[in-house]
Amino acid sequence: MNKLKLAVIAIVLSSNAAFAGGILTNTNQSVSFLRNPARDAAIGLDGVYSNPAGVAFLPDGLHIGFNWQYARQTRTVTTQNELLKLGVRNNGLDTKEYKGIANAPFIPSLQAAYNKNKWSFQFNFSVPGGGGKCEFDQGLGSFETVVGAIASRLIGVSTALNSQINALGASVPTVTGYSVDGYMKGKQYYFGFQIGAARKITENLSVYGGLRLLYGTASYEARLNNIRVMNGQDGMTLPDYFLGVNNGLDNAGKTITANVQKVNDGINQYVEAFMAQGLTREQAMQEAMQRPEVQTLVQQGQQLQAAGAQLQATGEQLAASAETLAPYANGMNLMSDQTGWGIAPIIGIDFKTGNFNFAAKYEFKTRMRMKNKSDLLHPTVIAATNKYVNGTSVPEDSPAQLALGAQWEMTPGVRLNLGYHHFFDTDAHWYEHSEKLLDGGTNEYLAGAEWDATKQLQVSGGVQFTRYGLTDQYMNDMSFVVNSWTFGLGVGYQVSNKVKLNAAYFQTNYEDYNMNTPEQTMSSLGLTIPAGKNSFTRTNRVLGLGVELTL
């Protein structure tokens, strides 16, 4: 149980670390793409990924391209929940911003094609999923609110108990809030190795067939330390709190015991007085019970006994609560690694007519099963954490993708591009079929242009609009995407007949996604998290350098 919800939060980085593309797919696999994302019908070496059938129209020879990208992304979740007011570091506010920084300093890709007559034999290495690491140095609201729910519950416990036992000269520690240190870091890479061949059927038509091997590796680290319930400016651990409660109940119980003894002594005085007059104890007890003052003592004794029974029941309940919450006492730590692989076919077609070029590519779904190696050895009371139980395999399919493109050379040296991508997200298989929570697949719309400014210099730019089938049921602060639009621009420079350099800048601008979060009940822990709100957004900036060689 000491993993609890932390195991879920640790997987906050499990999708699309810092790139363009679908929920689990990166499409920016070359610097040429960064210069102009609408490359689906362009003829170039980068087409080994974006338009493999069109690569057949390159000149004969060996073509090799190497690309380096640096990506930096932020993920920001703004959580609103009344429990956050209890956080000693939240300044009494019910809203808190959690920001994760994702850095991918070295994202490589390699394209190679050997063209001979009508054939083009191709190889591509890329990172079509994941691609970086992300750190949340304060954790996330979905977990901090659990700690807040613990504090809220203990506030009620202390208030209720003190109202009962203060009159007995006893007390338990009061609770005013909580303090917690959270940290999460994760990294994920999906390496793609693609081989295939294209063939020119005619001088204007080519087709492609290939396979991609996808190998995924991910590691996650999460810590939750120094969980303390606050008493004014002072904090105490959960064991110290429950120890203080037990001491308070013990003191109250001793007072009740002493008071019960006093009541019994008072009643015995009357009974012994009547026995001194010659009555038996039974007769003396009956006679004493006729006296109003004895009746009052009996009522006091009954009330004290009821209070004692209630305190005993409360103590037993608190002991059970202490046992349930004990895993939080020394904080929580999780180390998790996942690996998996899958293979999928890819087909493509390219057709040239006049000044136009049209192309299409279809990538089949990649069946992926990520195997866990973690210190979470057994299922927990929280079902979501069972995704990360050591030795289990988790479905993380890479969805099928359809890409369509068109290019028009409107004048010599000026080319206009259009593209469309559809990711069949709802046909993939993800853990507990979370894909069924989406309202449809991902759609991307792309446009761009390229200008041959001189014989050596090319200038290009383009835009991409990405729209997901998001729903409130799918979204959460542990793994989220939001709609966006992206622009890229850059240059290509032909150093010689055999060497070309590319450089580009690429930026994604994300929308905000706002949602209401429903009330959550963690019955096994006896906790309730009230309804609140979440707002999600991201930033993404990429720099790229590349070189293409013709041998």
Protein backbone atom coordinates (compact mmCIF):
# COMPACT_ATOMS: atom_id res chain seq x y z
CA MET A 1 0.00 0.00 0.00
CA ASN A 2 2.87 2.40 0.43
CA LYS A 3 2.81 3.09 -3.30
CA LEU A 4 -0.86 4.10 -3.36
CA LYS A 5 -1.61 6.90 -5.77
CA LEU A 6 2.00 7.86 -6.23
CA ALA A 7 2.49 5.05 -8.68
CA VAL A 8 -0.04 6.66 -10.97
CA ILE A 9 1.48 10.11 -10.71
CA ALA A 10 4.92 8.77 -11.45
CA ILE A 11 3.65 7.92 -14.92
CA VAL A 12 2.81 11.53 -15.65
CA LEU A 13 5.24 11.48 -18.53
CA SER A 14 3.92 8.52 -20.40
CA SER A 15 2.89 10.28 -23.61
CA ASN A 16 4.33 12.54 -26.29
CA ALA A 17 7.17 14.16 -24.39
CA ALA A 18 8.13 17.14 -26.55
CA PHE A 19 7.04 16.80 -30.15
CA ALA A 20 4.45 17.35 -32.85
CA GLY A 21 2.03 14.59 -33.72
CA GLY A 22 -0.66 12.44 -32.13
CA ILE A 23 -1.16 11.43 -28.53
CA LEU A 24 1.56 8.77 -28.68
CA THR A 25 3.28 9.63 -31.98
CA ASN A 26 5.99 12.11 -32.96
CA THR A 27 6.01 13.31 -36.58
CA ASN A 28 8.92 15.77 -36.48
CA GLN A 29 11.61 13.34 -37.57
CA SER A 30 13.79 15.69 -39.63
CA VAL A 31 14.98 19.28 -39.76
CA SER A 32 13.21 19.58 -43.12
CA PHE A 33 9.96 18.95 -41.24
CA LEU A 34 10.86 21.66 -38.73
CA ARG A 35 11.41 24.09 -41.61
CA ASN A 36 8.03 23.22 -43.12
CA PRO A 37 5.78 20.63 -41.44
CA ALA A 38 3.73 20.02 -44.61
CA ARG A 39 6.16 17.50 -46.08
CA ASP A 40 3.72 14.71 -46.90
CA ALA A 41 4.01 15.19 -50.68
CA ALA A 42 7.48 16.73 -50.84
CA ILE A 43 10.27 14.94 -52.71
CA GLY A 44 13.34 14.78 -50.50
CA LEU A 45 15.49 12.52 -48.36
CA ASP A 46 13.32 13.28 -45.30
CA GLY A 47 10.56 11.49 -47.22
CA VAL A 48 12.06 8.22 -45.95
CA TYR A 49 9.74 9.02 -43.02
CA SER A 50 7.12 11.44 -44.40
CA ASN A 51 6.74 10.33 -48.06
CA PRO A 52 8.73 7.14 -48.64
CA ALA A 53 7.19 6.43 -52.04
CA GLY A 54 8.36 9.83 -53.29
CA VAL A 55 12.00 9.07 -52.40
CA ALA A 56 12.11 6.87 -55.50
CA PHE A 57 12.19 10.06 -57.60
CA LEU A 58 15.52 11.19 -56.11
CA PRO A 59 18.60 10.73 -58.34
CA ASP A 60 20.41 7.43 -58.33
CA GLY A 61 23.01 7.00 -55.63
CA LEU A 62 23.37 6.71 -51.87
CA HIS A 63 21.66 9.47 -49.87
CA ILE A 64 22.31 9.85 -46.14
CA GLY A 65 20.85 12.43 -43.81
CA PHE A 66 21.54 13.05 -40.12
CA ASN A 67 19.35 15.31 -37.98
CA TRP A 68 19.80 16.70 -34.48
CA GLN A 69 17.02 18.38 -32.55
CA TYR A 70 16.91 20.09 -29.19
CA ALA A 71 13.45 20.36 -27.64
CA ARG A 72 12.30 22.09 -24.48
CA GLN A 73 8.77 21.84 -23.21
CA THR A 74 6.82 22.88 -20.15
CA ARG A 75 3.65 21.31 -18.86
CA THR A 76 1.50 23.40 -16.58
CA VAL A 77 -1.46 22.22 -14.53
CA THR A 78 -3.41 24.75 -12.49
CA THR A 79 -5.47 22.96 -9.84
CA GLN A 80 -8.27 24.53 -7.84
CA ASN A 81 -9.53 22.65 -4.79
CA GLU A 82 -10.53 23.84 -1.34
CA LEU A 83 -8.21 21.27 0.25
CA LEU A 84 -5.19 23.20 -1.05
CA LYS A 85 -6.01 25.97 1.42
CA LEU A 86 -4.76 23.63 4.15
CA GLY A 87 -1.27 23.48 2.64
CA VAL A 88 1.12 25.45 4.82
CA ARG A 89 3.02 26.60 1.70
CA ASN A 90 -0.06 27.59 -0.28
CA ASN A 91 -0.69 30.88 1.55
CA GLY A 92 -4.32 30.01 2.21
CA LEU A 93 -5.10 29.82 -1.52
CA ASP A 94 -7.27 27.13 -3.07
CA THR A 95 -5.43 27.36 -6.41
CA LYS A 96 -1.92 26.13 -7.15
CA GLU A 97 0.20 25.88 -10.29
CA TYR A 98 2.27 22.77 -10.94
CA LYS A 99 4.87 23.07 -13.68
CA GLY A 100 6.94 20.32 -15.23
CA ILE A 101 10.01 20.98 -17.34
CA ALA A 102 10.76 18.54 -20.15
CA ASN A 103 14.16 18.67 -21.82
CA ALA A 104 15.31 16.60 -24.76
CA PRO A 105 18.79 17.93 -25.55
CA PHE A 106 19.69 15.33 -28.16
CA ILE A 107 17.02 13.88 -30.43
CA PRO A 108 18.70 12.16 -33.36
CA SER A 109 17.30 10.77 -36.57
CA LEU A 110 18.92 9.15 -39.56
CA GLN A 111 17.55 8.71 -43.06
CA ALA A 112 19.26 6.68 -45.77
CA ALA A 113 18.21 5.70 -49.28
CA TYR A 114 19.97 3.86 -52.06
CA ASN A 115 18.36 4.55 -55.42
CA LYS A 116 19.13 2.45 -58.46
CA ASN A 117 17.05 2.63 -61.62
CA LYS A 118 13.43 2.14 -60.54
CA TRP A 119 14.19 1.01 -57.00
CA SER A 120 14.78 2.87 -53.76
CA PHE A 121 15.95 0.89 -50.73
CA GLN A 122 15.46 2.86 -47.52
CA PHE A 123 16.33 2.92 -43.85
CA ASN A 124 15.16 5.30 -41.14
CA PHE A 125 16.10 5.59 -37.49
CA SER A 126 14.05 8.01 -35.41
CA VAL A 127 12.33 8.60 -32.08
CA PRO A 128 8.64 8.38 -33.07
CA GLY A 129 7.44 8.45 -29.45
CA GLY A 130 8.59 9.95 -26.16
CA GLY A 131 11.99 11.55 -26.50
CA GLY A 132 12.89 13.30 -23.26
CA LYS A 133 12.56 13.60 -19.54
CA CYS A 134 10.27 15.74 -17.41
CA GLU A 135 10.47 16.85 -13.80
CA PHE A 136 7.74 18.14 -11.49
CA ASP A 137 9.56 19.47 -8.45
CA GLN A 138 6.31 19.96 -6.48
CA GLY A 139 4.45 16.87 -7.59
CA LEU A 140 0.89 17.33 -8.87
CA GLY A 141 -2.44 18.49 -7.49
CA SER A 142 -4.03 15.07 -7.84
CA PHE A 143 -1.70 13.79 -5.15
CA GLU A 144 -1.40 16.83 -2.94
CA THR A 145 -5.17 16.88 -2.57
CA VAL A 146 -4.97 13.35 -1.14
CA VAL A 147 -2.67 14.66 1.58
CA GLY A 148 -5.08 17.57 2.01
CA ALA A 149 -7.94 15.10 2.43
CA ILE A 150 -5.99 13.36 5.21
CA ALA A 151 -5.48 16.69 6.97
CA SER A 152 -9.14 17.64 6.49
CA ARG A 153 -10.25 14.38 8.01
CA LEU A 154 -7.92 14.77 10.99
CA ILE A 155 -9.15 18.32 11.55
CA GLY A 156 -12.64 16.87 11.96
CA VAL A 157 -11.35 14.07 14.20
CA SER A 158 -9.50 16.45 16.53
CA THR A 159 -12.38 18.93 16.71
CA ALA A 160 -14.91 16.22 17.55
CA LEU A 161 -12.70 14.57 20.16
CA ASN A 162 -11.76 17.79 21.93
CA SER A 163 -15.43 18.75 22.17
CA GLN A 164 -15.96 15.46 24.02
CA ILE A 165 -12.95 15.30 26.30
CA ASN A 166 -11.98 18.91 27.08
CA ALA A 167 -14.55 18.91 29.88
CA LEU A 168 -12.70 15.89 31.31
CA GLY A 169 -9.47 17.87 31.47
CA ALA A 170 -7.99 16.04 28.48
CA SER A 171 -7.19 17.03 24.89
CA VAL A 172 -5.82 15.70 21.62
CA PRO A 173 -3.55 17.59 19.17
CA THR A 174 -5.39 20.07 16.99
CA VAL A 175 -4.79 20.09 13.23
CA THR A 176 -4.71 23.22 11.07
CA GLY A 177 -3.29 21.89 7.81
CA TYR A 178 -0.52 19.86 6.20
CA SER A 179 2.96 20.04 4.76
CA VAL A 180 4.40 17.75 2.08
CA ASP A 181 7.37 17.56 -0.31
CA GLY A 182 6.62 16.02 -3.71
CA TYR A 183 8.89 15.22 -6.64
CA MET A 184 8.48 13.30 -9.89
CA LYS A 185 10.79 12.62 -12.80
CA GLY A 186 10.33 10.41 -15.81
CA LYS A 187 11.88 9.78 -19.18
CA GLN A 188 10.65 7.86 -22.16
CA TYR A 189 12.02 6.94 -25.56
CA TYR A 190 10.38 4.99 -28.38
CA PHE A 191 13.10 4.15 -30.91
CA GLY A 192 11.95 3.38 -34.44
CA PHE A 193 13.91 1.30 -36.95
CA GLN A 194 12.26 1.39 -40.36
CA ILE A 195 13.27 -0.49 -43.51
CA GLY A 196 11.47 -0.60 -46.80
CA ALA A 197 11.62 -0.26 -50.55
CA ALA A 198 9.92 1.96 -53.12
CA ARG A 199 9.56 1.25 -56.81
CA LYS A 200 8.67 3.50 -59.70
CA ILE A 201 5.81 1.83 -61.55
CA THR A 202 5.93 4.56 -64.19
CA GLU A 203 7.82 7.80 -64.52
CA ASN A 204 4.99 9.46 -62.58
CA LEU A 205 3.90 6.77 -60.11
CA SER A 206 5.72 5.01 -57.28
CA VAL A 207 4.72 2.75 -54.43
CA TYR A 208 6.33 1.81 -51.12
CA GLY A 209 6.20 -1.00 -48.60
CA GLY A 210 8.11 -1.30 -45.36
CA LEU A 211 8.22 -2.30 -41.73
CA ARG A 212 9.00 -0.37 -38.57
CA LEU A 213 10.32 -1.96 -35.40
CA LEU A 214 9.39 0.14 -32.39
CA TYR A 215 11.31 -0.36 -29.16
CA GLY A 216 10.11 1.49 -26.09
CA THR A 217 11.98 2.15 -22.88
CA ALA A 218 10.88 4.30 -19.96
CA SER A 219 11.91 4.93 -16.38
CA TYR A 220 10.14 6.84 -13.64
CA GLU A 221 11.11 8.08 -10.22
CA ALA A 222 8.72 9.53 -7.68
CA ARG A 223 9.13 10.62 -4.10
CA LEU A 224 6.79 11.94 -1.47
CA ASN A 225 8.55 12.98 1.72
CA ASN A 226 8.03 14.87 4.95
CA ILE A 227 4.28 14.42 5.20
CA ARG A 228 3.26 16.33 8.32
CA VAL A 229 0.02 17.49 9.84
CA MET A 230 0.30 21.03 11.09
CA ASN A 231 -0.63 22.37 14.51
CA GLY A 232 -0.30 26.11 14.09
CA GLN A 233 3.32 26.69 13.13
CA ASP A 234 4.37 23.29 14.39
CA GLY A 235 4.19 20.08 12.45
CA MET A 236 4.04 16.47 13.50
CA THR A 237 4.26 13.18 11.73
CA LEU A 238 1.20 10.98 11.46
CA PRO A 239 2.55 8.54 14.10
CA ASP A 240 3.13 11.46 16.48
CA TYR A 241 -0.37 12.73 15.83
CA PHE A 242 -2.01 9.38 16.57
CA LEU A 243 0.21 8.95 19.61
CA GLY A 244 -1.04 12.31 20.87
CA VAL A 245 -4.63 11.24 20.20
CA ASN A 246 -4.11 8.00 22.10
CA ASN A 247 -2.61 9.86 25.04
CA GLY A 248 -5.56 12.24 25.08
CA LEU A 249 -8.02 9.37 25.01
CA ASP A 250 -6.10 7.56 27.75
CA ASN A 251 -6.23 10.65 29.96
CA ALA A 252 -9.94 11.06 29.29
CA GLY A 253 -10.50 7.40 30.04
CA LYS A 254 -8.64 7.69 33.34
CA THR A 255 -10.79 10.67 34.29
CA ILE A 256 -13.96 8.77 33.43
CA THR A 257 -12.76 5.77 35.45
CA ALA A 258 -12.03 8.02 38.43
CA ASN A 259 -15.44 9.72 38.15
CA VAL A 260 -17.23 6.39 37.88
CA GLN A 261 -15.43 5.28 41.02
CA LYS A 262 -16.60 8.44 42.81
CA VAL A 263 -20.19 7.75 41.75
CA ASN A 264 -19.96 4.18 42.96
CA ASP A 265 -18.46 5.33 46.25
CA GLY A 266 -21.34 7.80 46.72
CA ILE A 267 -23.94 5.10 46.08
CA ASN A 268 -22.14 2.70 48.43
CA GLN A 269 -22.29 5.27 51.23
CA TYR A 270 -26.08 5.27 51.07
CA VAL A 271 -26.23 1.47 50.82
CA GLU A 272 -23.93 1.01 53.83
CA ALA A 273 -25.98 3.52 55.85
CA PHE A 274 -29.13 1.46 55.31
CA MET A 275 -27.25 -1.78 56.05
CA ALA A 276 -26.23 -0.27 59.37
CA GLN A 277 -29.97 -0.10 60.19
CA GLY A 278 -30.17 -3.88 59.84
CA LEU A 279 -31.17 -4.21 56.19
CA THR A 280 -29.57 -6.72 53.89
CA ARG A 281 -27.44 -5.37 51.01
CA GLU A 282 -30.19 -6.15 48.55
CA GLN A 283 -32.77 -4.38 50.74
CA ALA A 284 -30.36 -1.49 51.35
CA MET A 285 -29.76 -1.10 47.58
CA GLN A 286 -33.50 -1.04 46.91
CA GLU A 287 -34.02 1.55 49.65
CA ALA A 288 -31.11 3.70 48.40
CA MET A 289 -32.49 3.70 44.87
CA GLN A 290 -35.60 5.43 46.16
CA ARG A 291 -33.56 8.50 47.06
CA PRO A 292 -33.44 11.24 44.33
CA GLU A 293 -29.80 11.98 45.05
CA VAL A 294 -28.90 8.29 44.47
CA GLN A 295 -30.91 8.27 41.26
CA THR A 296 -28.88 11.28 40.11
CA LEU A 297 -25.67 9.44 40.89
CA VAL A 298 -26.86 6.39 38.93
CA GLN A 299 -27.67 8.59 35.94
CA GLN A 300 -24.23 10.16 36.17
CA GLY A 301 -22.65 6.73 36.27
CA GLN A 302 -24.62 5.58 33.22
CA GLN A 303 -23.60 8.68 31.32
CA LEU A 304 -19.97 8.16 32.25
CA GLN A 305 -20.10 4.52 31.19
CA ALA A 306 -21.68 5.49 27.87
CA ALA A 307 -18.99 8.12 27.37
CA GLY A 308 -16.33 5.56 28.15
CA ALA A 309 -17.81 3.09 25.68
CA GLN A 310 -17.96 5.80 23.03
CA LEU A 311 -14.34 6.75 23.63
CA GLN A 312 -13.32 3.12 23.44
CA ALA A 313 -15.12 2.72 20.10
CA THR A 314 -13.55 5.95 18.86
CA GLY A 315 -10.13 4.69 19.93
CA GLU A 316 -10.65 1.47 18.02
CA GLN A 317 -11.73 3.37 14.90
CA LEU A 318 -8.72 5.65 15.16
CA ALA A 319 -6.43 2.67 15.59
CA ALA A 320 -7.81 1.28 12.34
CA SER A 321 -7.32 4.68 10.67
CA ALA A 322 -3.79 4.87 11.97
CA GLU A 323 -3.05 1.46 10.48
CA THR A 324 -4.57 2.47 7.14
CA LEU A 325 -2.66 5.73 6.97
CA ALA A 326 0.56 4.32 8.41
CA PRO A 327 2.15 3.91 4.94
CA TYR A 328 2.19 7.69 4.63
CA ALA A 329 4.23 8.08 7.80
CA ASN A 330 7.72 7.85 6.30
CA GLY A 331 6.86 9.13 2.84
CA MET A 332 6.72 7.09 -0.35
CA ASN A 333 9.19 6.23 -3.09
CA LEU A 334 8.77 4.52 -6.42
CA MET A 335 11.22 3.36 -9.05
CA SER A 336 9.70 1.92 -12.19
CA ASP A 337 11.13 0.82 -15.55
CA GLN A 338 9.20 -0.32 -18.61
CA THR A 339 10.31 -1.89 -21.87
CA GLY A 340 8.44 -3.22 -24.87
CA TRP A 341 8.50 -3.57 -28.63
CA GLY A 342 6.27 -4.00 -31.64
CA ILE A 343 6.34 -4.19 -35.45
CA ALA A 344 3.98 -2.57 -37.94
CA PRO A 345 3.77 -2.41 -41.77
CA ILE A 346 3.87 0.89 -43.66
CA ILE A 347 2.63 1.47 -47.22
CA GLY A 348 2.79 4.54 -49.42
CA ILE A 349 2.09 5.91 -52.89
CA ASP A 350 3.25 8.98 -54.81
CA PHE A 351 1.87 10.36 -58.08
CA LYS A 352 3.23 13.24 -60.17
CA THR A 353 1.26 15.12 -62.79
CA GLY A 354 2.38 18.39 -64.32
CA ASN A 355 3.36 20.83 -61.57
CA PHE A 356 1.55 18.79 -58.91
CA ASN A 357 2.63 15.92 -56.71
CA PHE A 358 0.24 13.86 -54.57
CA ALA A 359 1.19 11.31 -51.94
CA ALA A 360 -0.36 9.12 -49.27
CA LYS A 361 1.06 6.97 -46.48
CA TYR A 362 -0.60 4.56 -44.09
CA GLU A 363 1.12 3.27 -40.96
CA PHE A 364 -0.61 0.31 -39.38
CA LYS A 365 -1.19 0.09 -35.66
CA THR A 366 1.84 -1.04 -33.68
CA ARG A 367 0.87 -3.49 -30.98
CA MET A 368 2.96 -2.57 -27.94
CA ARG A 369 3.11 -4.24 -24.53
CA MET A 370 5.30 -2.46 -21.98
CA LYS A 371 6.60 -4.84 -19.33
CA ASN A 372 7.03 -3.47 -15.83
CA LYS A 373 10.06 -3.83 -13.62
CA SER A 374 9.33 -1.89 -10.46
CA ASP A 375 9.32 -2.03 -6.69
CA LEU A 376 5.52 -2.26 -6.71
CA LEU A 377 5.36 -6.00 -6.17
CA HIS A 378 1.64 -6.53 -5.54
CA PRO A 379 -1.67 -4.93 -6.52
CA THR A 380 -2.84 -2.17 -4.20
CA VAL A 381 -6.20 -0.95 -2.99
CA ILE A 382 -6.12 1.69 -5.74
CA ALA A 383 -6.80 -0.03 -9.05
CA ALA A 384 -4.95 2.52 -11.19
CA THR A 385 -1.63 1.68 -9.55
CA ASN A 386 -1.96 -1.90 -10.74
CA LYS A 387 -0.84 -0.71 -14.17
CA TYR A 388 2.69 -0.67 -12.73
CA VAL A 389 2.87 -3.92 -10.78
CA ASN A 390 6.22 -5.61 -11.26
CA GLY A 391 6.20 -8.25 -14.00
CA THR A 392 2.93 -7.18 -15.63
CA SER A 393 2.58 -6.07 -19.26
CA VAL A 394 0.65 -2.93 -20.13
CA PRO A 395 -0.96 -2.27 -23.54
CA GLU A 396 0.43 0.93 -25.10
CA ASP A 397 -0.33 0.58 -28.81
CA SER A 398 0.95 3.20 -31.22
CA PRO A 399 -2.16 4.03 -33.24
CA ALA A 400 -2.47 3.70 -37.00
CA GLN A 401 -1.89 6.87 -39.02
CA LEU A 402 -3.09 8.07 -42.41
CA ALA A 403 -1.11 10.91 -44.04
CA LEU A 404 -2.19 12.70 -47.23
CA GLY A 405 -0.25 15.42 -49.01
CA ALA A 406 -0.18 17.63 -52.07
CA GLN A 407 2.53 19.85 -53.52
CA TRP A 408 2.19 22.51 -56.23
CA GLU A 409 5.16 24.12 -57.90
CA MET A 410 3.39 27.35 -58.76
CA THR A 411 6.50 28.86 -60.40
CA PRO A 412 10.01 27.49 -60.87
CA GLY A 413 11.60 27.46 -57.43
CA VAL A 414 8.41 28.13 -55.43
CA ARG A 415 6.49 25.18 -53.99
CA LEU A 416 3.29 25.20 -51.93
CA ASN A 417 2.39 22.25 -49.68
CA LEU A 418 -0.72 20.92 -47.99
CA GLY A 419 -1.06 17.95 -45.66
CA TYR A 420 -3.52 16.05 -43.52
CA HIS A 421 -2.87 13.49 -40.76
CA HIS A 422 -5.37 11.30 -38.98
CA PHE A 423 -4.41 9.11 -36.03
CA PHE A 424 -6.82 6.26 -35.30
CA ASP A 425 -6.48 6.67 -31.53
CA THR A 426 -9.75 5.01 -30.60
CA ASP A 427 -8.75 1.82 -32.45
CA ALA A 428 -5.60 1.39 -30.39
CA HIS A 429 -5.50 -0.52 -27.11
CA TRP A 430 -4.32 1.36 -24.04
CA TYR A 431 -4.46 0.46 -20.36
CA GLU A 432 -8.02 -0.16 -19.20
CA HIS A 433 -9.13 0.97 -22.65
CA SER A 434 -8.60 4.64 -21.91
CA GLU A 435 -8.78 5.20 -25.68
CA LYS A 436 -12.54 4.63 -25.38
CA LEU A 437 -12.78 7.82 -23.32
CA LEU A 438 -11.75 9.90 -26.35
CA ASP A 439 -14.33 11.51 -28.63
CA GLY A 440 -12.45 10.45 -31.75
CA GLY A 441 -9.01 10.30 -33.30
CA THR A 442 -6.48 13.08 -33.75
CA ASN A 443 -6.62 15.31 -36.85
CA GLU A 444 -3.80 17.51 -38.11
CA TYR A 445 -3.96 20.08 -40.89
CA LEU A 446 -0.73 21.36 -42.45
CA ALA A 447 0.34 24.01 -44.94
CA GLY A 448 3.68 25.41 -45.99
CA ALA A 449 5.84 26.86 -48.72
CA GLU A 450 9.43 26.59 -49.91
CA TRP A 451 11.38 29.09 -52.04
CA ASP A 452 14.64 28.51 -53.84
CA ALA A 453 16.08 31.94 -53.15
CA THR A 454 19.30 31.08 -55.00
CA LYS A 455 20.83 27.96 -56.48
CA GLN A 456 22.29 27.18 -53.06
CA LEU A 457 19.79 28.68 -50.59
CA GLN A 458 16.27 27.46 -49.79
CA VAL A 459 13.90 29.25 -47.42
CA SER A 460 10.78 27.53 -46.09
CA GLY A 461 8.06 27.84 -43.49
CA GLY A 462 4.80 26.22 -42.54
CA VAL A 463 2.06 25.71 -39.99
CA GLN A 464 0.29 22.77 -38.41
CA PHE A 465 -3.02 22.67 -36.53
CA THR A 466 -3.59 19.72 -34.20
CA ARG A 467 -7.03 18.79 -32.86
CA TYR A 468 -7.55 15.91 -30.43
CA GLY A 469 -10.78 14.15 -29.54
CA LEU A 470 -10.48 15.18 -25.90
CA THR A 471 -13.09 14.70 -23.19
CA ASP A 472 -13.15 15.53 -19.49
CA GLN A 473 -13.21 11.80 -18.76
CA TYR A 474 -9.95 11.27 -20.64
CA MET A 475 -8.05 14.28 -19.30
CA ASN A 476 -6.08 14.21 -16.06
CA ASP A 477 -3.02 15.94 -14.72
CA MET A 478 -0.92 12.80 -14.88
CA SER A 479 -0.88 12.60 -18.68
CA PHE A 480 -2.51 15.15 -20.92
CA VAL A 481 -2.45 16.77 -24.34
CA VAL A 482 -4.19 19.93 -25.54
CA ASN A 483 -5.09 21.34 -28.94
CA SER A 484 -2.38 23.43 -30.56
CA TRP A 485 -1.06 25.20 -33.61
CA THR A 486 2.56 25.10 -34.67
CA PHE A 487 4.81 27.09 -36.95
CA GLY A 488 8.21 26.17 -38.30
CA LEU A 489 10.72 28.06 -40.41
CA GLY A 490 14.26 27.54 -41.59
CA VAL A 491 16.76 27.36 -44.39
CA GLY A 492 18.59 24.77 -46.44
CA TYR A 493 21.98 25.49 -47.99
CA GLN A 494 23.54 23.40 -50.74
CA VAL A 495 27.21 23.53 -49.85
CA SER A 496 28.14 21.37 -52.84
CA ASN A 497 26.61 18.77 -55.10
CA LYS A 498 27.13 16.24 -52.33
CA VAL A 499 26.47 18.21 -49.14
CA LYS A 500 23.39 20.11 -47.97
CA LEU A 501 22.87 21.75 -44.57
CA ASN A 502 19.51 22.41 -42.89
CA ALA A 503 18.64 24.60 -39.90
CA ALA A 504 15.23 25.35 -38.40
CA TYR A 505 13.17 26.67 -35.50
CA PHE A 506 9.87 25.08 -34.54
CA GLN A 507 7.36 26.29 -31.94
CA THR A 508 4.04 24.87 -30.76
CA ASN A 509 1.43 27.15 -29.22
CA TYR A 510 -1.05 25.34 -27.01
CA GLU A 511 -4.57 26.18 -26.00
CA ASP A 512 -5.86 25.92 -22.44
CA TYR A 513 -8.12 23.04 -21.54
CA ASN A 514 -10.37 23.77 -18.57
CA MET A 515 -12.43 21.16 -16.80
CA ASN A 516 -14.37 20.50 -13.63
CA THR A 517 -13.13 17.60 -11.52
CA PRO A 518 -15.83 15.54 -9.77
CA GLU A 519 -15.82 14.60 -6.11
CA GLN A 520 -13.75 11.51 -5.44
CA THR A 521 -14.21 9.03 -2.63
CA MET A 522 -11.36 6.77 -1.55
CA SER A 523 -13.49 4.48 0.56
CA SER A 524 -10.67 2.13 1.54
CA LEU A 525 -8.83 5.09 3.08
CA GLY A 526 -11.94 6.82 4.37
CA LEU A 527 -11.08 9.98 2.42
CA THR A 528 -13.11 12.34 0.27
CA ILE A 529 -11.66 14.80 -2.21
CA PRO A 530 -14.22 17.51 -3.02
CA ALA A 531 -14.99 18.67 -6.54
CA GLY A 532 -12.63 21.22 -8.06
CA LYS A 533 -11.16 22.44 -11.34
CA ASN A 534 -8.11 21.78 -13.49
CA SER A 535 -6.59 23.85 -16.28
CA PHE A 536 -3.98 22.35 -18.62
CA THR A 537 -1.52 23.92 -21.05
CA ARG A 538 1.97 23.35 -22.45
CA THR A 539 4.80 25.06 -24.31
CA ASN A 540 7.17 23.55 -26.85
CA ARG A 541 10.20 24.95 -28.70
CA VAL A 542 12.59 23.00 -30.92
CA LEU A 543 15.88 23.86 -32.64
CA GLY A 544 17.26 21.62 -35.35
CA LEU A 545 20.40 21.15 -37.44
CA GLY A 546 20.88 18.59 -40.17
CA VAL A 547 23.18 17.50 -42.94
CA GLU A 548 22.38 15.52 -46.12
CA LEU A 549 25.04 13.70 -48.12
CA THR A 550 24.81 12.28 -51.63
CA LEU A 551 27.45 9.68 -52.46
